[in-house]
Amino acid sequence: MKKIILNNKKEIEVLNANSYCFSVKATEITDVLQMFNDLTEENLETVTIKEDDTISEIFTNKCRSSVNYDGATAIFYLIDVDVMPKKIKALEDTVDALILSDMGIGESEE
């Protein structure tokens, strides 16, 4: 049995999976919509593909793109997240904190 494990540890049984899409059996559109809503950027930060409880692939920094549904199977498409803005923001925050600390304006030393 093949499954993907989202960052929040939720497991989804899949028919097929790779770094850009995965397919699942789905008979109800409400199940497809719920699954699509579960595919948040946070839940797709790290995705593990397992086959018979053996890790076959791990990919990171994905986000949902679209879904195709034919009444029996849903295919969820994923795209890469551009993490550069997050890294730049974290770097800017670190530099700001260091500058304020050097100026004695940051956290007080006791």
Protein backbone atom coordinates (compact mmCIF):
# COMPACT_ATOMS: atom_id res chain seq x y z
CA MET A 1 0.00 0.00 0.00
CA LYS A 2 1.35 3.41 -0.97
CA LYS A 3 0.69 6.50 1.11
CA ILE A 4 1.91 10.01 1.64
CA ILE A 5 2.48 11.51 5.05
CA LEU A 6 2.00 15.25 5.42
CA ASN A 7 4.00 17.48 7.73
CA ASN A 8 1.18 17.32 10.32
CA LYS A 9 1.55 13.48 10.32
CA LYS A 10 -1.74 12.93 8.47
CA GLU A 11 -1.53 9.85 6.23
CA ILE A 12 -3.29 9.63 2.87
CA GLU A 13 -3.56 6.38 0.93
CA VAL A 14 -2.65 7.03 -2.69
CA LEU A 15 -2.76 5.18 -5.98
CA ASN A 16 0.35 6.92 -7.23
CA ALA A 17 2.58 9.75 -6.02
CA ASN A 18 5.60 11.78 -7.01
CA SER A 19 6.98 15.23 -6.28
CA TYR A 20 4.49 17.06 -8.53
CA CYS A 21 1.21 15.15 -8.10
CA PHE A 22 -0.57 12.29 -6.38
CA SER A 23 -3.80 10.42 -7.09
CA VAL A 24 -6.35 8.95 -4.69
CA LYS A 25 -9.58 6.99 -4.94
CA ALA A 26 -12.45 9.31 -4.17
CA THR A 27 -16.15 8.74 -4.67
CA GLU A 28 -17.44 11.92 -3.01
CA ILE A 29 -16.60 15.46 -4.06
CA THR A 30 -16.77 16.53 -0.40
CA ASP A 31 -13.86 14.17 0.37
CA VAL A 32 -11.86 15.72 -2.48
CA LEU A 33 -12.56 19.25 -1.21
CA GLN A 34 -11.61 18.32 2.36
CA MET A 35 -8.35 16.78 1.17
CA PHE A 36 -7.61 19.83 -0.99
CA ASN A 37 -8.18 22.08 2.05
CA ASP A 38 -5.82 19.89 4.12
CA LEU A 39 -3.02 20.52 1.62
CA THR A 40 -1.87 23.75 3.21
CA GLU A 41 1.59 25.17 2.64
CA GLU A 42 2.47 24.19 6.23
CA ASN A 43 1.31 20.59 5.72
CA LEU A 44 3.30 20.38 2.49
CA GLU A 45 6.57 21.71 3.94
CA THR A 46 7.72 18.10 4.20
CA VAL A 47 5.94 15.23 2.47
CA THR A 48 7.03 11.62 2.80
CA ILE A 49 6.04 8.91 0.33
CA LYS A 50 5.93 5.42 1.81
CA GLU A 51 5.33 2.11 0.10
CA ASP A 52 4.64 -0.82 2.42
CA ASP A 53 5.97 1.24 5.36
CA THR A 54 9.29 1.88 3.60
CA ILE A 55 10.16 5.48 2.82
CA SER A 56 10.66 5.82 -0.91
CA GLU A 57 10.85 9.59 -1.29
CA ILE A 58 10.78 12.81 0.70
CA PHE A 59 10.15 16.20 -0.82
CA THR A 60 9.91 19.64 0.71
CA ASN A 61 8.44 23.08 0.18
CA LYS A 62 5.40 22.29 -1.93
CA CYS A 63 2.00 23.92 -2.25
CA ARG A 64 -1.21 22.82 -3.87
CA SER A 65 -1.84 23.92 -7.40
CA SER A 66 -5.01 22.28 -8.67
CA VAL A 67 -7.08 19.11 -8.60
CA ASN A 68 -8.75 17.02 -11.30
CA TYR A 69 -11.68 14.82 -10.31
CA ASP A 70 -13.53 12.37 -12.52
CA GLY A 71 -15.98 10.91 -10.00
CA ALA A 72 -13.74 8.01 -8.99
CA THR A 73 -10.19 9.36 -8.85
CA ALA A 74 -8.75 12.69 -7.79
CA ILE A 75 -5.35 13.91 -8.94
CA PHE A 76 -3.82 16.65 -6.81
CA TYR A 77 -1.12 18.75 -8.46
CA LEU A 78 1.67 20.34 -6.44
CA ILE A 79 4.15 23.08 -7.24
CA ASP A 80 7.35 24.24 -5.58
CA VAL A 81 7.17 27.04 -3.04
CA ASP A 82 9.59 29.90 -3.50
CA VAL A 83 11.23 29.93 -0.07
CA MET A 84 13.55 32.82 -0.89
CA PRO A 85 11.18 35.53 0.48
CA LYS A 86 10.94 33.63 3.80
CA LYS A 87 14.71 33.29 4.00
CA ILE A 88 15.25 36.96 3.20
CA LYS A 89 12.72 38.01 5.87
CA ALA A 90 14.39 35.77 8.47
CA LEU A 91 17.79 37.20 7.57
CA GLU A 92 16.49 40.77 7.79
CA ASP A 93 14.94 40.05 11.21
CA THR A 94 18.23 38.56 12.44
CA VAL A 95 20.25 41.52 11.19
CA ASP A 96 17.79 43.96 12.79
CA ALA A 97 17.98 42.11 16.11
CA LEU A 98 21.79 42.09 16.02
CA ILE A 99 21.97 45.81 15.24
CA LEU A 100 19.51 46.68 18.02
CA SER A 101 21.42 44.44 20.43
CA ASP A 102 24.73 46.13 19.55
CA MET A 103 23.11 49.52 20.14
CA GLY A 104 21.79 48.35 23.52
CA ILE A 105 18.19 48.75 22.40
CA GLY A 106 17.26 45.08 22.15
CA GLU A 107 16.53 42.69 24.99
CA SER A 108 17.87 43.85 28.31
CA GLU A 109 20.80 42.00 29.84
CA GLU A 110 20.28 41.11 33.47
